[in-house]
Structures are given as C-alpha cells and as structure tokens.
Amino acid sequence: MDGGTMATKRRVLKVKPATAKALAPYGRVVGRGSGVKPADSGYYGGAVKLIKPAQFQSDNDTCLSVATIQPRPFELEHIERHYKHTQAFIPLGGKPFVAVFGAPTDGDEPDWDKLEAFRFDGKDGFCMNIGTWHEFPFALEPDTDVIVILRNETNRDLNAKDSGEAHGGDLSKLNIAKRTGAVFEIDIG
C-alpha cells in the first residue's frame, strides 16, 4: 500500500449488478440499460434513435481518453471525488468491469460503511454525480478499454501527490489504508 501504512482490518464489499436503480445515488447509467426511452432524432427516416441518459457537467477544459485496464488485485487502494465535473467511464468492446462508489459527503472522507461495488456487463457506462466517491474501475478481463471523460484540471491534480494522496481544486484522492487502517476487498463472487 502507498504511504507505508500497514492495514490491519479487512472489510469486504460484495459486488452487485450495476442497474440504473442501484446506481441512482451515485449518478446515471449511460447506455440502453439506463431505462431512458429512445426518441427519434428527427432525421434519417427514424433510423437514428437517441437517448439522453445523463447530463455531463464540466465548467472547463475536458479530456476524453481511453484507458486500457488490466486485471489487478480486488483491493481498494484509493478513493477519490471531483468537485467540478461529472466524471464518466464508458466501456469499449463489451468487456465487464467492477466499480466502487460512495455517495457524496460534506466531510473530507466518504462514509466508509456505505461504499458499494458494482459489476458492469460491458454494455453500459456510467456518469457520476459531482462529488461521488469512487475508485478507478477494476478489469475482469485483460485489455479492457474504457473511455474516461474528466476535466484536465483533475489530470494535473493527480500529479500533485503527497504521502500517497493527491489533492487539488477538482480532486480529493485518499489513501484508504492510511485513512482507515483497513483493506477494502472486493468479493466478485
């Protein structure tokens, strides 16, 4: 673990299916699984239907990148949140992944007892509410490609590491073992 802190307790997060209802406290599902009814685009004789499942918010320069994720141990090292944008993870290629979320809080840390893990089937993505606590997705298969949409300020903030954590105008990234003395393990069942 970062920061040299020995974690002594183990806490297990059981993975749940990523449904629009289950994820509602954290943001919106992006894709057909959102439950939003498609509407005709008004062009192309009805061949193009649109859904608008989430409103992405960013008040500044925004980056769209593709992350190729490899399987890694199912233990949370960090948890982070953003103050100025609604970060999104959108899978390419249909490979499943697991993501961990916590509801936005007024304090400096999430409610550690209410973190939840969700399995995305690779068909739908997710756009988080501003302030939603999360860890970067965990791949279930090698070479899982995920589009990541976030503010460039966040990319700069991620480089401002201090004692295994990073902080800035749009980021609070916490070292979980340092903050809690615990290892949060994801049980993928």
Protein backbone atom coordinates (compact mmCIF):
# COMPACT_ATOMS: atom_id res chain seq x y z
CA MET A 1 0.00 0.00 0.00
CA ASP A 2 1.11 3.59 -0.58
CA GLY A 3 2.27 5.70 2.33
CA GLY A 4 3.89 2.81 4.22
CA THR A 5 0.86 2.24 6.44
CA MET A 6 0.11 -1.33 7.47
CA ALA A 7 -3.56 -2.07 7.14
CA THR A 8 -4.78 -4.45 9.82
CA LYS A 9 -8.54 -4.85 9.29
CA ARG A 10 -10.22 -6.37 6.25
CA ARG A 11 -13.56 -5.12 5.01
CA VAL A 12 -15.38 -6.93 2.21
CA LEU A 13 -17.56 -5.28 -0.44
CA LYS A 14 -19.84 -7.77 -2.21
CA VAL A 15 -20.34 -6.98 -5.88
CA LYS A 16 -23.88 -6.16 -7.00
CA PRO A 17 -25.27 -5.86 -10.54
CA ALA A 18 -24.90 -2.34 -11.98
CA THR A 19 -28.52 -1.35 -12.58
CA ALA A 20 -29.92 2.13 -13.08
CA LYS A 21 -31.88 1.84 -9.82
CA ALA A 22 -28.94 0.59 -7.72
CA LEU A 23 -26.61 3.27 -9.11
CA ALA A 24 -29.04 6.21 -8.81
CA PRO A 25 -27.43 7.63 -5.62
CA TYR A 26 -24.10 7.90 -7.46
CA GLY A 27 -25.04 9.08 -10.95
CA ARG A 28 -26.59 7.77 -14.15
CA VAL A 29 -26.11 4.69 -16.32
CA VAL A 30 -25.00 5.62 -19.84
CA GLY A 31 -26.44 3.22 -22.42
CA ARG A 32 -29.55 1.20 -23.15
CA GLY A 33 -29.63 -0.04 -19.56
CA SER A 34 -30.36 3.50 -18.38
CA GLY A 35 -34.12 3.00 -18.68
CA VAL A 36 -34.44 6.19 -20.73
CA LYS A 37 -36.75 5.74 -23.72
CA PRO A 38 -35.19 6.43 -27.14
CA ALA A 39 -36.53 9.32 -29.20
CA ASP A 40 -36.41 9.82 -32.95
CA SER A 41 -33.58 12.16 -33.96
CA GLY A 42 -35.87 13.88 -36.47
CA TYR A 43 -33.61 12.85 -39.34
CA TYR A 44 -32.85 9.70 -41.36
CA GLY A 45 -36.41 8.38 -41.55
CA GLY A 46 -36.42 7.12 -37.97
CA ALA A 47 -33.23 5.06 -38.43
CA VAL A 48 -31.47 7.04 -35.67
CA LYS A 49 -32.88 6.95 -32.14
CA LEU A 50 -31.32 8.95 -29.33
CA ILE A 51 -31.34 8.60 -25.57
CA LYS A 52 -30.02 11.25 -23.22
CA PRO A 53 -29.40 9.27 -20.02
CA ALA A 54 -27.09 11.72 -18.24
CA GLN A 55 -26.09 15.33 -18.30
CA PHE A 56 -22.29 15.60 -18.30
CA GLN A 57 -21.18 18.71 -16.43
CA SER A 58 -17.81 20.42 -16.70
CA ASP A 59 -17.06 24.09 -16.37
CA ASN A 60 -13.67 23.94 -18.11
CA ASP A 61 -11.29 22.15 -20.46
CA THR A 62 -12.37 18.50 -20.59
CA CYS A 63 -10.38 15.44 -21.67
CA LEU A 64 -11.67 12.29 -23.37
CA SER A 65 -9.16 9.45 -23.08
CA VAL A 66 -9.19 5.68 -23.46
CA ALA A 67 -7.76 3.66 -20.57
CA THR A 68 -6.70 0.07 -21.19
CA ILE A 69 -7.17 -1.70 -17.87
CA GLN A 70 -5.58 -4.98 -16.84
CA PRO A 71 -6.85 -7.18 -14.02
CA ARG A 72 -5.35 -6.23 -10.65
CA PRO A 73 -5.96 -7.38 -7.08
CA PHE A 74 -9.53 -6.66 -5.97
CA GLU A 75 -8.48 -4.36 -3.14
CA LEU A 76 -9.15 -0.65 -2.92
CA GLU A 77 -6.02 1.44 -2.54
CA HIS A 78 -7.55 4.86 -3.09
CA ILE A 79 -10.91 6.57 -3.21
CA GLU A 80 -11.46 9.94 -4.87
CA ARG A 81 -14.05 12.53 -5.74
CA HIS A 82 -14.33 15.56 -8.03
CA TYR A 83 -15.86 18.92 -7.19
CA LYS A 84 -16.30 20.48 -10.64
CA HIS A 85 -17.36 17.77 -13.09
CA THR A 86 -19.31 14.56 -13.57
CA GLN A 87 -16.62 12.03 -14.50
CA ALA A 88 -17.72 9.22 -16.82
CA PHE A 89 -16.49 5.68 -17.54
CA ILE A 90 -17.81 4.16 -20.78
CA PRO A 91 -16.66 0.67 -21.88
CA LEU A 92 -15.50 -0.16 -25.39
CA GLY A 93 -15.51 -3.74 -26.67
CA GLY A 94 -18.12 -5.13 -24.29
CA LYS A 95 -15.77 -6.30 -21.54
CA PRO A 96 -17.11 -6.25 -17.98
CA PHE A 97 -15.59 -4.30 -15.11
CA VAL A 98 -16.22 -3.56 -11.44
CA ALA A 99 -16.52 -0.07 -9.98
CA VAL A 100 -16.80 1.09 -6.37
CA PHE A 101 -18.85 4.14 -5.37
CA GLY A 102 -19.75 6.11 -2.27
CA ALA A 103 -22.33 8.87 -2.03
CA PRO A 104 -21.11 12.48 -1.92
CA THR A 105 -20.39 13.71 1.62
CA ASP A 106 -19.97 17.08 3.28
CA GLY A 107 -16.83 15.97 5.14
CA ASP A 108 -13.32 15.18 3.93
CA GLU A 109 -13.92 11.42 3.68
CA PRO A 110 -16.63 9.09 2.37
CA ASP A 111 -18.92 7.16 4.66
CA TRP A 112 -16.64 4.11 4.81
CA ASP A 113 -19.52 1.85 5.89
CA LYS A 114 -21.61 2.67 2.82
CA LEU A 115 -19.19 2.05 -0.06
CA GLU A 116 -20.68 -0.27 -2.70
CA ALA A 117 -19.16 -2.37 -5.51
CA PHE A 118 -20.96 -2.91 -8.83
CA ARG A 119 -20.38 -5.19 -11.81
CA PHE A 120 -20.89 -3.53 -15.20
CA ASP A 121 -21.55 -6.02 -18.01
CA GLY A 122 -19.61 -4.03 -20.63
CA LYS A 123 -22.71 -2.79 -22.45
CA ASP A 124 -23.34 0.35 -20.38
CA GLY A 125 -21.16 3.03 -18.87
CA PHE A 126 -21.64 5.44 -16.02
CA CYS A 127 -21.64 9.21 -15.45
CA MET A 128 -21.10 10.11 -11.79
CA ASN A 129 -22.77 12.86 -9.85
CA ILE A 130 -20.43 15.65 -8.79
CA GLY A 131 -18.76 14.65 -5.52
CA THR A 132 -19.38 10.89 -5.85
CA TRP A 133 -16.56 8.94 -4.21
CA HIS A 134 -15.08 6.25 -6.47
CA GLU A 135 -12.06 4.13 -7.33
CA PHE A 136 -10.82 3.59 -10.87
CA PRO A 137 -12.60 0.56 -12.42
CA PHE A 138 -11.27 -2.97 -11.94
CA ALA A 139 -10.98 -5.06 -15.12
CA LEU A 140 -12.40 -8.58 -15.07
CA GLU A 141 -10.65 -9.46 -18.35
CA PRO A 142 -7.30 -8.43 -19.86
CA ASP A 143 -7.15 -5.37 -22.11
CA THR A 144 -10.45 -3.83 -21.01
CA ASP A 145 -10.82 -0.48 -22.78
CA VAL A 146 -12.82 2.23 -21.05
CA ILE A 147 -13.42 5.79 -22.23
CA VAL A 148 -12.69 8.19 -19.36
CA ILE A 149 -14.12 11.71 -19.53
CA LEU A 150 -12.84 14.22 -16.98
CA ARG A 151 -11.52 17.75 -16.59
CA ASN A 152 -7.87 18.40 -17.43
CA GLU A 153 -7.51 20.13 -14.06
CA THR A 154 -8.10 16.71 -12.50
CA ASN A 155 -5.25 15.23 -14.55
CA ARG A 156 -2.97 17.97 -13.19
CA ASP A 157 -4.29 17.45 -9.65
CA LEU A 158 -3.46 13.72 -9.87
CA ASN A 159 0.20 14.65 -10.30
CA ALA A 160 0.20 16.63 -7.02
CA LYS A 161 0.91 13.58 -4.84
CA ASP A 162 1.69 13.95 -1.16
CA SER A 163 2.11 10.93 1.13
CA GLY A 164 0.24 8.63 -1.26
CA GLU A 165 -2.66 11.06 -1.73
CA ALA A 166 -3.46 13.80 -4.25
CA HIS A 167 -5.46 16.98 -3.75
CA GLY A 168 -6.37 19.99 -5.88
CA GLY A 169 -9.19 22.24 -6.97
CA ASP A 170 -11.13 19.37 -8.56
CA LEU A 171 -9.77 16.36 -6.69
CA SER A 172 -9.52 14.71 -3.34
CA LYS A 173 -7.79 11.30 -3.72
CA LEU A 174 -7.36 9.47 -0.43
CA ASN A 175 -5.12 6.57 0.58
CA ILE A 176 -7.58 4.16 2.17
CA ALA A 177 -5.14 2.20 4.37
CA LYS A 178 -3.64 5.44 5.68
CA ARG A 179 -7.09 6.88 6.49
CA THR A 180 -8.80 3.77 7.88
CA GLY A 181 -6.15 1.21 8.80
CA ALA A 182 -8.20 -1.26 6.77
CA VAL A 183 -8.02 -3.13 3.49
CA PHE A 184 -11.24 -2.96 1.48
CA GLU A 185 -11.55 -6.17 -0.53
CA ILE A 186 -13.98 -6.64 -3.41
CA ASP A 187 -15.75 -10.01 -3.42
CA ILE A 188 -16.62 -10.66 -7.07
CA GLY A 189 -18.45 -13.86 -6.09
